[in-house]
All heavy atoms as atom14 arrays in JSON, in Angstrom:
{
  "sequence": "FAELISGRRTQIVTNTGFLEFTRANLLGVPILVWIFAIVAIAGWV",
  "atom14_mask": [
    [1, 1, 1, 1, 1, 1, 1, 1, 1, 1, 1, 0, 0, 0],
    [1, 1, 1, 1, 1, 0, 0, 0, 0, 0, 0, 0, 0, 0],
    [1, 1, 1, 1, 1, 1, 1, 1, 1, 0, 0, 0, 0, 0],
    [1, 1, 1, 1, 1, 1, 1, 1, 0, 0, 0, 0, 0, 0],
    [1, 1, 1, 1, 1, 1, 1, 1, 0, 0, 0, 0, 0, 0],
    [1, 1, 1, 1, 1, 1, 0, 0, 0, 0, 0, 0, 0, 0],
    [1, 1, 1, 1, 0, 0, 0, 0, 0, 0, 0, 0, 0, 0],
    [1, 1, 1, 1, 1, 1, 1, 1, 1, 1, 1, 0, 0, 0],
    [1, 1, 1, 1, 1, 1, 1, 1, 1, 1, 1, 0, 0, 0],
    [1, 1, 1, 1, 1, 1, 1, 0, 0, 0, 0, 0, 0, 0],
    [1, 1, 1, 1, 1, 1, 1, 1, 1, 0, 0, 0, 0, 0],
    [1, 1, 1, 1, 1, 1, 1, 1, 0, 0, 0, 0, 0, 0],
    [1, 1, 1, 1, 1, 1, 1, 0, 0, 0, 0, 0, 0, 0],
    [1, 1, 1, 1, 1, 1, 1, 0, 0, 0, 0, 0, 0, 0],
    [1, 1, 1, 1, 1, 1, 1, 1, 0, 0, 0, 0, 0, 0],
    [1, 1, 1, 1, 1, 1, 1, 0, 0, 0, 0, 0, 0, 0],
    [1, 1, 1, 1, 0, 0, 0, 0, 0, 0, 0, 0, 0, 0],
    [1, 1, 1, 1, 1, 1, 1, 1, 1, 1, 1, 0, 0, 0],
    [1, 1, 1, 1, 1, 1, 1, 1, 0, 0, 0, 0, 0, 0],
    [1, 1, 1, 1, 1, 1, 1, 1, 1, 0, 0, 0, 0, 0],
    [1, 1, 1, 1, 1, 1, 1, 1, 1, 1, 1, 0, 0, 0],
    [1, 1, 1, 1, 1, 1, 1, 0, 0, 0, 0, 0, 0, 0],
    [1, 1, 1, 1, 1, 1, 1, 1, 1, 1, 1, 0, 0, 0],
    [1, 1, 1, 1, 1, 0, 0, 0, 0, 0, 0, 0, 0, 0],
    [1, 1, 1, 1, 1, 1, 1, 1, 0, 0, 0, 0, 0, 0],
    [1, 1, 1, 1, 1, 1, 1, 1, 0, 0, 0, 0, 0, 0],
    [1, 1, 1, 1, 1, 1, 1, 1, 0, 0, 0, 0, 0, 0],
    [1, 1, 1, 1, 0, 0, 0, 0, 0, 0, 0, 0, 0, 0],
    [1, 1, 1, 1, 1, 1, 1, 0, 0, 0, 0, 0, 0, 0],
    [1, 1, 1, 1, 1, 1, 1, 0, 0, 0, 0, 0, 0, 0],
    [1, 1, 1, 1, 1, 1, 1, 1, 0, 0, 0, 0, 0, 0],
    [1, 1, 1, 1, 1, 1, 1, 1, 0, 0, 0, 0, 0, 0],
    [1, 1, 1, 1, 1, 1, 1, 0, 0, 0, 0, 0, 0, 0],
    [1, 1, 1, 1, 1, 1, 1, 1, 1, 1, 1, 1, 1, 1],
    [1, 1, 1, 1, 1, 1, 1, 1, 0, 0, 0, 0, 0, 0],
    [1, 1, 1, 1, 1, 1, 1, 1, 1, 1, 1, 0, 0, 0],
    [1, 1, 1, 1, 1, 0, 0, 0, 0, 0, 0, 0, 0, 0],
    [1, 1, 1, 1, 1, 1, 1, 1, 0, 0, 0, 0, 0, 0],
    [1, 1, 1, 1, 1, 1, 1, 0, 0, 0, 0, 0, 0, 0],
    [1, 1, 1, 1, 1, 0, 0, 0, 0, 0, 0, 0, 0, 0],
    [1, 1, 1, 1, 1, 1, 1, 1, 0, 0, 0, 0, 0, 0],
    [1, 1, 1, 1, 1, 0, 0, 0, 0, 0, 0, 0, 0, 0],
    [1, 1, 1, 1, 0, 0, 0, 0, 0, 0, 0, 0, 0, 0],
    [1, 1, 1, 1, 1, 1, 1, 1, 1, 1, 1, 1, 1, 1],
    [1, 1, 1, 1, 1, 1, 1, 0, 0, 0, 0, 0, 0, 0]
  ],
  "atom14_positions": [
    [[10.63, 2.4, -18.72], [11.47, 3.1, -17.75], [11.59, 2.29, -16.46], [12.67, 2.23, -15.85], [10.89, 4.48, -17.47], [11.78, 5.37, -16.66], [13.11, 5.52, -16.99], [11.29, 6.04, -15.55], [13.95, 6.35, -16.24], [12.1, 6.85, -14.79], [13.45, 7.02, -15.14], [0.0, 0.0, 0.0], [0.0, 0.0, 0.0], [0.0, 0.0, 0.0]],
    [[10.49, 1.66, -16.04], [10.52, 0.82, -14.84], [11.47, -0.36, -15.02], [12.23, -0.72, -14.11], [9.12, 0.33, -14.52], [0.0, 0.0, 0.0], [0.0, 0.0, 0.0], [0.0, 0.0, 0.0], [0.0, 0.0, 0.0], [0.0, 0.0, 0.0], [0.0, 0.0, 0.0], [0.0, 0.0, 0.0], [0.0, 0.0, 0.0], [0.0, 0.0, 0.0]],
    [[11.45, -0.97, -16.19], [12.36, -2.08, -16.47], [13.81, -1.62, -16.5], [14.72, -2.33, -16.04], [12.0, -2.73, -17.82], [10.66, -3.45, -17.81], [10.33, -4.03, -19.18], [11.07, -3.74, -20.15], [9.32, -4.76, -19.28], [0.0, 0.0, 0.0], [0.0, 0.0, 0.0], [0.0, 0.0, 0.0], [0.0, 0.0, 0.0], [0.0, 0.0, 0.0]],
    [[14.02, -0.41, -17.01], [15.38, 0.11, -17.13], [16.02, 0.37, -15.77], [17.15, -0.06, -15.51], [15.36, 1.4, -17.95], [16.72, 2.07, -18.2], [17.59, 1.17, -19.07], [16.53, 3.43, -18.87], [0.0, 0.0, 0.0], [0.0, 0.0, 0.0], [0.0, 0.0, 0.0], [0.0, 0.0, 0.0], [0.0, 0.0, 0.0], [0.0, 0.0, 0.0]],
    [[15.3, 1.05, -14.88], [15.91, 1.42, -13.6], [15.96, 0.26, -12.61], [16.73, 0.29, -11.66], [15.17, 2.62, -12.96], [13.72, 2.26, -12.64], [15.24, 3.83, -13.87], [12.96, 3.38, -11.96], [0.0, 0.0, 0.0], [0.0, 0.0, 0.0], [0.0, 0.0, 0.0], [0.0, 0.0, 0.0], [0.0, 0.0, 0.0], [0.0, 0.0, 0.0]],
    [[15.14, -0.77, -12.84], [15.17, -1.93, -11.95], [16.0, -3.08, -12.51], [16.22, -4.07, -11.8], [13.74, -2.44, -11.69], [13.16, -2.94, -12.88], [0.0, 0.0, 0.0], [0.0, 0.0, 0.0], [0.0, 0.0, 0.0], [0.0, 0.0, 0.0], [0.0, 0.0, 0.0], [0.0, 0.0, 0.0], [0.0, 0.0, 0.0], [0.0, 0.0, 0.0]],
    [[16.42, -2.94, -13.77], [17.14, -4.04, -14.39], [16.29, -5.29, -14.54], [16.81, -6.41, -14.58], [0.0, 0.0, 0.0], [0.0, 0.0, 0.0], [0.0, 0.0, 0.0], [0.0, 0.0, 0.0], [0.0, 0.0, 0.0], [0.0, 0.0, 0.0], [0.0, 0.0, 0.0], [0.0, 0.0, 0.0], [0.0, 0.0, 0.0], [0.0, 0.0, 0.0]],
    [[14.97, -5.08, -14.61], [14.01, -6.17, -14.71], [14.11, -7.14, -13.53], [13.78, -8.32, -13.65], [14.17, -6.93, -16.03], [13.89, -6.08, -17.26], [13.88, -6.91, -18.52], [13.53, -6.08, -19.68], [13.39, -6.55, -20.91], [13.57, -7.84, -21.15], [13.07, -5.74, -21.89], [0.0, 0.0, 0.0], [0.0, 0.0, 0.0], [0.0, 0.0, 0.0]],
    [[14.53, -6.62, -12.39], [14.62, -7.44, -11.19], [13.56, -7.0, -10.18], [13.2, -5.82, -10.11], [16.01, -7.34, -10.56], [17.12, -7.95, -11.4], [18.41, -8.03, -10.59], [18.85, -6.69, -10.19], [19.68, -5.93, -10.9], [20.13, -6.35, -12.08], [20.03, -4.74, -10.47], [0.0, 0.0, 0.0], [0.0, 0.0, 0.0], [0.0, 0.0, 0.0]],
    [[13.1, -7.93, -9.38], [12.16, -7.62, -8.32], [12.92, -7.08, -7.12], [13.91, -7.66, -6.67], [11.37, -8.88, -7.91], [10.63, -9.35, -9.03], [10.41, -8.56, -6.76], [0.0, 0.0, 0.0], [0.0, 0.0, 0.0], [0.0, 0.0, 0.0], [0.0, 0.0, 0.0], [0.0, 0.0, 0.0], [0.0, 0.0, 0.0], [0.0, 0.0, 0.0]],
    [[12.45, -5.95, -6.6], [13.11, -5.29, -5.46], [12.27, -5.5, -4.2], [11.1, -5.13, -4.16], [13.29, -3.79, -5.76], [14.13, -3.55, -7.0], [14.14, -2.1, -7.45], [15.02, -1.67, -8.17], [13.15, -1.33, -7.03], [0.0, 0.0, 0.0], [0.0, 0.0, 0.0], [0.0, 0.0, 0.0], [0.0, 0.0, 0.0], [0.0, 0.0, 0.0]],
    [[12.86, -6.11, -3.2], [12.15, -6.44, -1.97], [12.08, -5.22, -1.04], [13.07, -4.52, -0.86], [12.83, -7.62, -1.24], [12.96, -8.82, -2.19], [12.03, -8.0, 0.0], [11.65, -9.33, -2.74], [0.0, 0.0, 0.0], [0.0, 0.0, 0.0], [0.0, 0.0, 0.0], [0.0, 0.0, 0.0], [0.0, 0.0, 0.0], [0.0, 0.0, 0.0]],
    [[10.92, -5.0, -0.47], [10.72, -3.92, 0.51], [11.14, -4.43, 1.88], [10.62, -5.45, 2.36], [9.25, -3.46, 0.53], [9.05, -2.39, 1.6], [8.84, -2.94, -0.83], [0.0, 0.0, 0.0], [0.0, 0.0, 0.0], [0.0, 0.0, 0.0], [0.0, 0.0, 0.0], [0.0, 0.0, 0.0], [0.0, 0.0, 0.0], [0.0, 0.0, 0.0]],
    [[12.04, -3.71, 2.52], [12.56, -4.14, 3.82], [12.26, -3.14, 4.93], [12.54, -3.43, 6.1], [14.08, -4.35, 3.74], [14.71, -3.14, 3.3], [14.41, -5.47, 2.75], [0.0, 0.0, 0.0], [0.0, 0.0, 0.0], [0.0, 0.0, 0.0], [0.0, 0.0, 0.0], [0.0, 0.0, 0.0], [0.0, 0.0, 0.0], [0.0, 0.0, 0.0]],
    [[11.71, -1.99, 4.6], [11.45, -0.97, 5.61], [10.31, -1.42, 6.52], [9.15, -1.57, 6.09], [11.1, 0.35, 4.93], [11.01, 1.51, 5.9], [10.05, 1.63, 6.65], [12.02, 2.36, 5.89], [0.0, 0.0, 0.0], [0.0, 0.0, 0.0], [0.0, 0.0, 0.0], [0.0, 0.0, 0.0], [0.0, 0.0, 0.0], [0.0, 0.0, 0.0]],
    [[10.62, -1.66, 7.79], [9.63, -2.23, 8.71], [8.48, -1.27, 9.0], [7.34, -1.69, 9.14], [10.31, -2.65, 10.01], [11.02, -1.51, 10.56], [11.3, -3.79, 9.78], [0.0, 0.0, 0.0], [0.0, 0.0, 0.0], [0.0, 0.0, 0.0], [0.0, 0.0, 0.0], [0.0, 0.0, 0.0], [0.0, 0.0, 0.0], [0.0, 0.0, 0.0]],
    [[8.78, 0.01, 9.11], [7.72, 0.99, 9.4], [6.68, 1.03, 8.3], [5.47, 1.05, 8.57], [0.0, 0.0, 0.0], [0.0, 0.0, 0.0], [0.0, 0.0, 0.0], [0.0, 0.0, 0.0], [0.0, 0.0, 0.0], [0.0, 0.0, 0.0], [0.0, 0.0, 0.0], [0.0, 0.0, 0.0], [0.0, 0.0, 0.0], [0.0, 0.0, 0.0]],
    [[7.13, 1.01, 7.06], [6.21, 1.01, 5.92], [5.38, -0.26, 5.89], [4.16, -0.22, 5.69], [7.01, 1.15, 4.62], [6.18, 1.06, 3.37], [5.48, 2.17, 2.91], [6.08, -0.13, 2.66], [4.69, 2.09, 1.76], [5.31, -0.21, 1.52], [4.62, 0.9, 1.06], [0.0, 0.0, 0.0], [0.0, 0.0, 0.0], [0.0, 0.0, 0.0]],
    [[6.03, -1.4, 6.11], [5.31, -2.68, 6.07], [4.31, -2.8, 7.21], [3.22, -3.34, 7.04], [6.31, -3.84, 6.12], [7.21, -4.0, 4.9], [8.21, -5.14, 5.1], [6.38, -4.25, 3.63], [0.0, 0.0, 0.0], [0.0, 0.0, 0.0], [0.0, 0.0, 0.0], [0.0, 0.0, 0.0], [0.0, 0.0, 0.0], [0.0, 0.0, 0.0]],
    [[4.67, -2.31, 8.38], [3.74, -2.36, 9.52], [2.5, -1.53, 9.24], [1.39, -1.92, 9.6], [4.44, -1.87, 10.78], [5.46, -2.85, 11.35], [6.19, -2.28, 12.55], [5.92, -1.09, 12.9], [7.03, -2.99, 13.13], [0.0, 0.0, 0.0], [0.0, 0.0, 0.0], [0.0, 0.0, 0.0], [0.0, 0.0, 0.0], [0.0, 0.0, 0.0]],
    [[2.68, -0.39, 8.59], [1.53, 0.46, 8.28], [0.63, -0.19, 7.23], [-0.6, -0.27, 7.41], [2.0, 1.82, 7.78], [0.91, 2.66, 7.18], [-0.05, 3.26, 7.99], [0.83, 2.85, 5.8], [-1.08, 4.01, 7.44], [-0.18, 3.61, 5.24], [-1.14, 4.19, 6.07], [0.0, 0.0, 0.0], [0.0, 0.0, 0.0], [0.0, 0.0, 0.0]],
    [[1.2, -0.64, 6.13], [0.4, -1.16, 5.02], [-0.19, -2.54, 5.31], [-1.11, -2.98, 4.61], [1.24, -1.23, 3.74], [2.45, -1.97, 4.01], [1.6, 0.15, 3.24], [0.0, 0.0, 0.0], [0.0, 0.0, 0.0], [0.0, 0.0, 0.0], [0.0, 0.0, 0.0], [0.0, 0.0, 0.0], [0.0, 0.0, 0.0], [0.0, 0.0, 0.0]],
    [[0.32, -3.23, 6.32], [-0.19, -4.55, 6.66], [-1.0, -4.56, 7.96], [-1.36, -5.62, 8.47], [0.95, -5.56, 6.76], [1.66, -5.78, 5.44], [2.56, -6.98, 5.47], [2.64, -7.61, 4.17], [3.09, -8.82, 3.94], [3.5, -9.57, 4.95], [3.13, -9.32, 2.72], [0.0, 0.0, 0.0], [0.0, 0.0, 0.0], [0.0, 0.0, 0.0]],
    [[-1.29, -3.38, 8.46], [-2.03, -3.28, 9.72], [-3.51, -3.55, 9.5], [-4.03, -3.49, 8.38], [-1.83, -1.9, 10.32], [0.0, 0.0, 0.0], [0.0, 0.0, 0.0], [0.0, 0.0, 0.0], [0.0, 0.0, 0.0], [0.0, 0.0, 0.0], [0.0, 0.0, 0.0], [0.0, 0.0, 0.0], [0.0, 0.0, 0.0], [0.0, 0.0, 0.0]],
    [[-4.19, -3.87, 10.6], [-5.65, -4.03, 10.62], [-6.26, -2.99, 11.55], [-5.69, -2.7, 12.61], [-6.05, -5.43, 11.08], [-5.72, -6.49, 10.06], [-5.67, -6.21, 8.86], [-5.48, -7.71, 10.49], [0.0, 0.0, 0.0], [0.0, 0.0, 0.0], [0.0, 0.0, 0.0], [0.0, 0.0, 0.0], [0.0, 0.0, 0.0], [0.0, 0.0, 0.0]],
    [[-7.39, -2.46, 11.16], [-8.12, -1.51, 11.99], [-9.52, -2.03, 12.19], [-10.26, -2.21, 11.21], [-8.14, -0.12, 11.32], [-8.85, 1.0, 12.09], [-8.17, 1.24, 13.43], [-8.9, 2.28, 11.26], [0.0, 0.0, 0.0], [0.0, 0.0, 0.0], [0.0, 0.0, 0.0], [0.0, 0.0, 0.0], [0.0, 0.0, 0.0], [0.0, 0.0, 0.0]],
    [[-9.86, -2.34, 13.44], [-11.15, -2.93, 13.77], [-11.37, -4.26, 13.04], [-12.49, -4.61, 12.64], [-12.3, -1.96, 13.44], [-12.24, -0.59, 14.15], [-13.39, 0.29, 13.67], [-12.28, -0.76, 15.66], [0.0, 0.0, 0.0], [0.0, 0.0, 0.0], [0.0, 0.0, 0.0], [0.0, 0.0, 0.0], [0.0, 0.0, 0.0], [0.0, 0.0, 0.0]],
    [[-10.29, -4.99, 12.86], [-10.37, -6.29, 12.21], [-10.42, -6.24, 10.7], [-10.52, -7.28, 10.04], [0.0, 0.0, 0.0], [0.0, 0.0, 0.0], [0.0, 0.0, 0.0], [0.0, 0.0, 0.0], [0.0, 0.0, 0.0], [0.0, 0.0, 0.0], [0.0, 0.0, 0.0], [0.0, 0.0, 0.0], [0.0, 0.0, 0.0], [0.0, 0.0, 0.0]],
    [[-10.33, -5.04, 10.13], [-10.39, -4.87, 8.67], [-9.02, -4.38, 8.19], [-8.44, -3.46, 8.77], [-11.48, -3.86, 8.27], [-11.5, -3.65, 6.76], [-12.83, -4.32, 8.77], [0.0, 0.0, 0.0], [0.0, 0.0, 0.0], [0.0, 0.0, 0.0], [0.0, 0.0, 0.0], [0.0, 0.0, 0.0], [0.0, 0.0, 0.0], [0.0, 0.0, 0.0]],
    [[-8.47, -4.98, 7.12], [-7.17, -4.56, 6.61], [-7.14, -3.08, 6.26], [-8.12, -2.52, 5.78], [-6.97, -5.43, 5.35], [-7.83, -6.62, 5.58], [-9.02, -6.14, 6.36], [0.0, 0.0, 0.0], [0.0, 0.0, 0.0], [0.0, 0.0, 0.0], [0.0, 0.0, 0.0], [0.0, 0.0, 0.0], [0.0, 0.0, 0.0], [0.0, 0.0, 0.0]],
    [[-5.99, -2.45, 6.5], [-5.86, -1.02, 6.25], [-6.06, -0.7, 4.77], [-6.52, 0.4, 4.42], [-4.46, -0.53, 6.71], [-4.42, 1.0, 6.79], [-3.36, -1.07, 5.82], [-5.26, 1.59, 7.88], [0.0, 0.0, 0.0], [0.0, 0.0, 0.0], [0.0, 0.0, 0.0], [0.0, 0.0, 0.0], [0.0, 0.0, 0.0], [0.0, 0.0, 0.0]],
    [[-5.75, -1.66, 3.89], [-5.95, -1.43, 2.45], [-7.42, -1.2, 2.13], [-7.75, -0.38, 1.27], [-5.42, -2.63, 1.65], [-3.94, -2.97, 1.79], [-3.57, -4.1, 0.84], [-3.07, -1.75, 1.55], [0.0, 0.0, 0.0], [0.0, 0.0, 0.0], [0.0, 0.0, 0.0], [0.0, 0.0, 0.0], [0.0, 0.0, 0.0], [0.0, 0.0, 0.0]],
    [[-8.29, -1.91, 2.81], [-9.73, -1.74, 2.59], [-10.18, -0.36, 3.08], [-11.0, 0.31, 2.45], [-10.52, -2.85, 3.29], [-12.03, -2.65, 3.11], [-10.11, -4.22, 2.75], [0.0, 0.0, 0.0], [0.0, 0.0, 0.0], [0.0, 0.0, 0.0], [0.0, 0.0, 0.0], [0.0, 0.0, 0.0], [0.0, 0.0, 0.0], [0.0, 0.0, 0.0]],
    [[-9.62, 0.06, 4.22], [-9.95, 1.39, 4.74], [-9.49, 2.48, 3.77], [-10.2, 3.49, 3.57], [-9.3, 1.59, 6.11], [-9.98, 0.85, 7.21], [-9.52, -0.25, 7.87], [-11.24, 1.18, 7.81], [-10.42, -0.65, 8.84], [-11.48, 0.21, 8.82], [-12.19, 2.16, 7.59], [-12.64, 0.21, 9.6], [-13.35, 2.18, 8.37], [-13.55, 1.21, 9.37]],
    [[-8.31, 2.3, 3.19], [-7.82, 3.29, 2.22], [-8.77, 3.38, 1.03], [-9.1, 4.49, 0.56], [-6.39, 2.91, 1.77], [-5.41, 3.04, 2.94], [-5.95, 3.81, 0.6], [-4.01, 2.55, 2.61], [0.0, 0.0, 0.0], [0.0, 0.0, 0.0], [0.0, 0.0, 0.0], [0.0, 0.0, 0.0], [0.0, 0.0, 0.0], [0.0, 0.0, 0.0]],
    [[-9.21, 2.24, 0.53], [-10.16, 2.22, -0.59], [-11.43, 2.95, -0.21], [-11.97, 3.76, -1.0], [-10.45, 0.77, -0.98], [-11.48, 0.61, -2.06], [-11.63, 1.56, -3.06], [-12.32, -0.5, -2.09], [-12.59, 1.41, -4.07], [-13.28, -0.65, -3.07], [-13.41, 0.31, -4.06], [0.0, 0.0, 0.0], [0.0, 0.0, 0.0], [0.0, 0.0, 0.0]],
    [[-11.94, 2.69, 0.99], [-13.17, 3.34, 1.44], [-12.99, 4.86, 1.52], [-13.87, 5.63, 1.09], [-13.59, 2.78, 2.79], [0.0, 0.0, 0.0], [0.0, 0.0, 0.0], [0.0, 0.0, 0.0], [0.0, 0.0, 0.0], [0.0, 0.0, 0.0], [0.0, 0.0, 0.0], [0.0, 0.0, 0.0], [0.0, 0.0, 0.0], [0.0, 0.0, 0.0]],
    [[-11.86, 5.3, 2.06], [-11.61, 6.75, 2.19], [-11.5, 7.41, 0.83], [-12.08, 8.49, 0.59], [-10.32, 6.97, 3.01], [-10.54, 6.54, 4.47], [-9.89, 8.43, 2.95], [-9.27, 6.53, 5.3], [0.0, 0.0, 0.0], [0.0, 0.0, 0.0], [0.0, 0.0, 0.0], [0.0, 0.0, 0.0], [0.0, 0.0, 0.0], [0.0, 0.0, 0.0]],
    [[-10.79, 6.76, -0.1], [-10.65, 7.32, -1.45], [-12.0, 7.37, -2.15], [-12.33, 8.36, -2.84], [-9.64, 6.49, -2.27], [-9.64, 6.94, -3.73], [-8.25, 6.62, -1.69], [0.0, 0.0, 0.0], [0.0, 0.0, 0.0], [0.0, 0.0, 0.0], [0.0, 0.0, 0.0], [0.0, 0.0, 0.0], [0.0, 0.0, 0.0], [0.0, 0.0, 0.0]],
    [[-12.83, 6.33, -1.98], [-14.15, 6.31, -2.61], [-15.04, 7.43, -2.06], [-15.74, 8.11, -2.82], [-14.81, 4.95, -2.39], [0.0, 0.0, 0.0], [0.0, 0.0, 0.0], [0.0, 0.0, 0.0], [0.0, 0.0, 0.0], [0.0, 0.0, 0.0], [0.0, 0.0, 0.0], [0.0, 0.0, 0.0], [0.0, 0.0, 0.0], [0.0, 0.0, 0.0]],
    [[-15.03, 7.62, -0.75], [-15.84, 8.68, -0.14], [-15.36, 10.05, -0.61], [-16.16, 10.93, -0.96], [-15.78, 8.58, 1.4], [-16.49, 7.3, 1.87], [-16.41, 9.81, 2.05], [-16.32, 7.01, 3.34], [0.0, 0.0, 0.0], [0.0, 0.0, 0.0], [0.0, 0.0, 0.0], [0.0, 0.0, 0.0], [0.0, 0.0, 0.0], [0.0, 0.0, 0.0]],
    [[-14.03, 10.24, -0.62], [-13.48, 11.52, -1.09], [-13.85, 11.76, -2.56], [-14.19, 12.88, -2.95], [-11.96, 11.52, -0.92], [0.0, 0.0, 0.0], [0.0, 0.0, 0.0], [0.0, 0.0, 0.0], [0.0, 0.0, 0.0], [0.0, 0.0, 0.0], [0.0, 0.0, 0.0], [0.0, 0.0, 0.0], [0.0, 0.0, 0.0], [0.0, 0.0, 0.0]],
    [[-13.8, 10.7, -3.37], [-14.18, 10.83, -4.78], [-15.64, 11.19, -4.94], [-16.0, 12.01, -5.8], [0.0, 0.0, 0.0], [0.0, 0.0, 0.0], [0.0, 0.0, 0.0], [0.0, 0.0, 0.0], [0.0, 0.0, 0.0], [0.0, 0.0, 0.0], [0.0, 0.0, 0.0], [0.0, 0.0, 0.0], [0.0, 0.0, 0.0], [0.0, 0.0, 0.0]],
    [[-16.51, 10.59, -4.11], [-17.94, 10.9, -4.18], [-18.2, 12.36, -3.83], [-18.96, 13.05, -4.53], [-18.72, 10.0, -3.23], [-20.21, 10.18, -3.32], [-21.08, 9.54, -4.14], [-21.0, 11.11, -2.55], [-22.36, 10.0, -3.94], [-22.34, 10.96, -2.97], [-20.7, 12.04, -1.56], [-23.38, 11.71, -2.43], [-21.73, 12.8, -1.01], [-23.06, 12.63, -1.44]],
    [[-17.56, 12.83, -2.77], [-17.73, 14.23, -2.37], [-17.21, 15.16, -3.46], [-17.86, 16.16, -3.82], [-16.99, 14.5, -1.04], [-17.0, 15.99, -0.7], [-17.63, 13.71, 0.1], [0.0, 0.0, 0.0], [0.0, 0.0, 0.0], [0.0, 0.0, 0.0], [0.0, 0.0, 0.0], [0.0, 0.0, 0.0], [0.0, 0.0, 0.0], [0.0, 0.0, 0.0]]
  ]
}
């Protein structure tokens, strides 16, 4: 289904707000690492 709706083409993300959020750093640590930590803690609880 993914191949069908994309025509097997790569689609570039251009939304600046989304990119700024996902590429941000918090206390010198990438936001992606913080997301992993939050999900892991929530999963443990």
